Amino acid sequence: MKSIKFSLVNPNDECDLIFIDNEKNKYHIFTDERGRNIQNIDKDFWDKFFFCKLIKVEYQGEQKRIVTRIISYK
């Protein structure tokens, strides 16, 4: 589990939302078909993530960290 916050939209891929942790490591949430298997993501998340101070997630990968589950957001 990792705590992240929204950083930016990938300038080379508008469906790739980049989030960062306190150490500035990048995490990716995709808004297209690549992200359809993210667990616990709901319609409210898409309206609120810009303003969240803390999002807890699970992810896979070490070079490119892909979010696989939203645990909580506020």
N, C-alpha and C. Protein backbone atom coordinates (compact mmCIF):
# COMPACT_ATOMS: atom_id res chain seq x y z
N MET A 1 0.85 -1.17 0.00
CA MET A 1 0.00 0.00 0.00
C MET A 1 0.90 1.24 0.00
N LYS A 2 0.47 2.24 -0.77
CA LYS A 2 1.25 3.47 -0.87
C LYS A 2 0.31 4.67 -0.86
N SER A 3 0.73 5.77 -0.27
CA SER A 3 -0.03 7.01 -0.26
C SER A 3 0.51 7.92 -1.35
N ILE A 4 -0.40 8.41 -2.21
CA ILE A 4 0.00 9.23 -3.35
C ILE A 4 -0.94 10.42 -3.48
N LYS A 5 -0.56 11.36 -4.35
CA LYS A 5 -1.44 12.48 -4.69
C LYS A 5 -1.24 12.80 -6.17
N PHE A 6 -2.25 13.43 -6.76
CA PHE A 6 -2.20 13.75 -8.18
C PHE A 6 -1.08 14.73 -8.48
N SER A 7 -0.39 14.50 -9.60
CA SER A 7 0.69 15.39 -10.01
C SER A 7 0.37 16.05 -11.36
N LEU A 8 0.19 15.24 -12.40
CA LEU A 8 -0.03 15.81 -13.73
C LEU A 8 -0.56 14.75 -14.69
N VAL A 9 -1.00 15.23 -15.85
CA VAL A 9 -1.38 14.35 -16.95
C VAL A 9 -0.14 14.20 -17.83
N ASN A 10 0.16 12.97 -18.21
CA ASN A 10 1.31 12.71 -19.07
C ASN A 10 1.15 13.52 -20.36
N PRO A 11 2.10 14.39 -20.69
CA PRO A 11 1.97 15.20 -21.91
C PRO A 11 2.01 14.38 -23.20
N ASN A 12 2.50 13.16 -23.12
CA ASN A 12 2.57 12.29 -24.30
C ASN A 12 1.42 11.31 -24.38
N ASP A 13 0.57 11.26 -23.33
CA ASP A 13 -0.54 10.30 -23.29
C ASP A 13 -1.60 10.85 -22.34
N GLU A 14 -2.61 11.49 -22.89
CA GLU A 14 -3.62 12.16 -22.05
C GLU A 14 -4.46 11.21 -21.21
N CYS A 15 -4.36 9.92 -21.44
CA CYS A 15 -5.08 8.92 -20.64
C CYS A 15 -4.24 8.40 -19.48
N ASP A 16 -3.05 8.91 -19.32
CA ASP A 16 -2.13 8.50 -18.26
C ASP A 16 -2.04 9.61 -17.22
N LEU A 17 -2.70 9.40 -16.09
CA LEU A 17 -2.65 10.35 -14.99
C LEU A 17 -1.51 9.95 -14.07
N ILE A 18 -0.62 10.87 -13.80
CA ILE A 18 0.56 10.58 -13.00
C ILE A 18 0.38 11.13 -11.59
N PHE A 19 0.62 10.26 -10.63
CA PHE A 19 0.53 10.59 -9.22
C PHE A 19 1.92 10.41 -8.63
N ILE A 20 2.19 11.06 -7.50
CA ILE A 20 3.50 10.94 -6.87
C ILE A 20 3.34 10.66 -5.38
N ASP A 21 4.37 10.03 -4.81
CA ASP A 21 4.41 9.84 -3.36
C ASP A 21 5.36 10.88 -2.76
N ASN A 22 5.63 10.79 -1.49
CA ASN A 22 6.49 11.77 -0.83
C ASN A 22 7.91 11.78 -1.35
N GLU A 23 8.35 10.66 -1.92
CA GLU A 23 9.71 10.58 -2.45
C GLU A 23 9.77 10.94 -3.93
N LYS A 24 8.65 11.42 -4.48
CA LYS A 24 8.53 11.83 -5.89
C LYS A 24 8.57 10.65 -6.87
N ASN A 25 8.31 9.43 -6.38
CA ASN A 25 8.15 8.29 -7.28
C ASN A 25 6.83 8.44 -8.00
N LYS A 26 6.78 8.03 -9.27
CA LYS A 26 5.58 8.19 -10.08
C LYS A 26 4.74 6.92 -10.08
N TYR A 27 3.41 7.12 -10.08
CA TYR A 27 2.41 6.05 -10.14
C TYR A 27 1.42 6.44 -11.22
N HIS A 28 0.92 5.45 -11.95
CA HIS A 28 0.07 5.73 -13.10
C HIS A 28 -1.32 5.14 -12.94
N ILE A 29 -2.32 5.97 -13.23
CA ILE A 29 -3.70 5.52 -13.36
C ILE A 29 -4.15 5.88 -14.76
N PHE A 30 -4.63 4.88 -15.49
CA PHE A 30 -5.06 5.09 -16.87
C PHE A 30 -6.56 5.27 -16.93
N THR A 31 -7.01 6.23 -17.73
CA THR A 31 -8.44 6.50 -17.88
C THR A 31 -9.07 5.79 -19.06
N ASP A 32 -8.27 5.08 -19.83
CA ASP A 32 -8.79 4.34 -20.97
C ASP A 32 -8.88 2.85 -20.61
N GLU A 33 -8.93 1.98 -21.60
CA GLU A 33 -9.09 0.54 -21.36
C GLU A 33 -7.96 -0.05 -20.52
N ARG A 34 -6.81 0.57 -20.49
CA ARG A 34 -5.70 0.06 -19.68
C ARG A 34 -6.03 0.13 -18.19
N GLY A 35 -6.95 1.00 -17.79
CA GLY A 35 -7.28 1.16 -16.39
C GLY A 35 -8.60 0.54 -15.98
N ARG A 36 -9.21 -0.21 -16.85
CA ARG A 36 -10.55 -0.74 -16.54
C ARG A 36 -10.55 -1.79 -15.44
N ASN A 37 -9.41 -2.36 -15.11
CA ASN A 37 -9.35 -3.40 -14.09
C ASN A 37 -8.90 -2.89 -12.72
N ILE A 38 -8.88 -1.58 -12.55
CA ILE A 38 -8.50 -1.03 -11.24
C ILE A 38 -9.62 -1.35 -10.26
N GLN A 39 -9.27 -2.01 -9.19
CA GLN A 39 -10.26 -2.41 -8.19
C GLN A 39 -10.64 -1.21 -7.31
N ASN A 40 -11.90 -1.21 -6.89
CA ASN A 40 -12.46 -0.22 -5.95
C ASN A 40 -12.49 1.20 -6.48
N ILE A 41 -12.32 1.41 -7.77
CA ILE A 41 -12.44 2.75 -8.31
C ILE A 41 -13.93 2.98 -8.57
N ASP A 42 -14.44 4.13 -8.19
CA ASP A 42 -15.85 4.41 -8.42
C ASP A 42 -16.00 5.73 -9.16
N LYS A 43 -17.22 6.04 -9.57
CA LYS A 43 -17.45 7.25 -10.37
C LYS A 43 -17.08 8.52 -9.60
N ASP A 44 -17.22 8.53 -8.30
CA ASP A 44 -16.86 9.70 -7.50
C ASP A 44 -15.36 10.00 -7.54
N PHE A 45 -14.56 8.95 -7.66
CA PHE A 45 -13.11 9.13 -7.69
C PHE A 45 -12.71 10.09 -8.81
N TRP A 46 -13.30 9.93 -9.99
CA TRP A 46 -12.91 10.73 -11.15
C TRP A 46 -13.24 12.20 -10.95
N ASP A 47 -14.24 12.53 -10.14
CA ASP A 47 -14.58 13.92 -9.87
C ASP A 47 -13.75 14.51 -8.73
N LYS A 48 -13.18 13.67 -7.90
CA LYS A 48 -12.55 14.15 -6.67
C LYS A 48 -11.02 14.06 -6.63
N PHE A 49 -10.40 13.22 -7.47
CA PHE A 49 -8.97 12.95 -7.28
C PHE A 49 -8.09 14.18 -7.40
N PHE A 50 -8.50 15.17 -8.21
CA PHE A 50 -7.70 16.40 -8.34
C PHE A 50 -7.52 17.09 -7.00
N PHE A 51 -8.54 17.00 -6.14
CA PHE A 51 -8.56 17.74 -4.88
C PHE A 51 -8.18 16.90 -3.67
N CYS A 52 -7.91 15.63 -3.88
CA CYS A 52 -7.56 14.74 -2.76
C CYS A 52 -6.17 15.09 -2.22
N LYS A 53 -6.09 15.12 -0.92
CA LYS A 53 -4.79 15.33 -0.30
C LYS A 53 -4.04 14.02 -0.14
N LEU A 54 -4.80 12.91 -0.12
CA LEU A 54 -4.18 11.61 0.10
C LEU A 54 -5.00 10.51 -0.56
N ILE A 55 -4.35 9.72 -1.37
CA ILE A 55 -4.98 8.57 -2.01
C ILE A 55 -4.14 7.36 -1.65
N LYS A 56 -4.76 6.35 -1.08
CA LYS A 56 -4.03 5.12 -0.74
C LYS A 56 -4.32 4.09 -1.82
N VAL A 57 -3.24 3.49 -2.34
CA VAL A 57 -3.37 2.56 -3.47
C VAL A 57 -2.48 1.34 -3.28
N GLU A 58 -2.78 0.33 -4.06
CA GLU A 58 -1.87 -0.79 -4.29
C GLU A 58 -1.46 -0.69 -5.75
N TYR A 59 -0.28 -1.19 -6.05
CA TYR A 59 0.24 -1.06 -7.41
C TYR A 59 1.09 -2.28 -7.75
N GLN A 60 1.42 -2.37 -9.03
CA GLN A 60 2.36 -3.41 -9.46
C GLN A 60 3.45 -2.76 -10.30
N GLY A 61 4.61 -3.39 -10.27
CA GLY A 61 5.75 -2.88 -11.03
C GLY A 61 6.66 -2.02 -10.18
N GLU A 62 7.91 -1.99 -10.55
CA GLU A 62 8.88 -1.16 -9.86
C GLU A 62 9.42 -0.05 -10.77
N GLN A 63 9.62 -0.35 -12.04
CA GLN A 63 10.09 0.67 -12.97
C GLN A 63 8.95 1.62 -13.33
N LYS A 64 7.83 1.05 -13.73
CA LYS A 64 6.61 1.82 -14.01
C LYS A 64 5.54 1.29 -13.08
N ARG A 65 5.20 2.06 -12.08
CA ARG A 65 4.24 1.65 -11.05
C ARG A 65 2.82 1.90 -11.54
N ILE A 66 2.07 0.83 -11.78
CA ILE A 66 0.71 0.91 -12.28
C ILE A 66 -0.25 0.63 -11.13
N VAL A 67 -1.16 1.57 -10.86
CA VAL A 67 -2.12 1.40 -9.78
C VAL A 67 -3.11 0.30 -10.15
N THR A 68 -3.30 -0.64 -9.21
CA THR A 68 -4.21 -1.77 -9.44
C THR A 68 -5.42 -1.73 -8.53
N ARG A 69 -5.36 -0.96 -7.45
CA ARG A 69 -6.47 -0.91 -6.49
C ARG A 69 -6.45 0.42 -5.74
N ILE A 70 -7.62 1.04 -5.66
CA ILE A 70 -7.80 2.23 -4.83
C ILE A 70 -8.27 1.75 -3.47
N ILE A 71 -7.52 2.04 -2.43
CA ILE A 71 -7.91 1.64 -1.08
C ILE A 71 -8.78 2.72 -0.45
N SER A 72 -8.35 3.98 -0.54
CA SER A 72 -9.14 5.09 -0.02
C SER A 72 -8.65 6.38 -0.63
N TYR A 73 -9.50 7.39 -0.56
CA TYR A 73 -9.11 8.72 -1.01
C TYR A 73 -9.89 9.76 -0.23
N LYS A 74 -9.20 10.87 0.09
CA LYS A 74 -9.86 11.98 0.80
C LYS A 74 -9.14 13.28 0.54
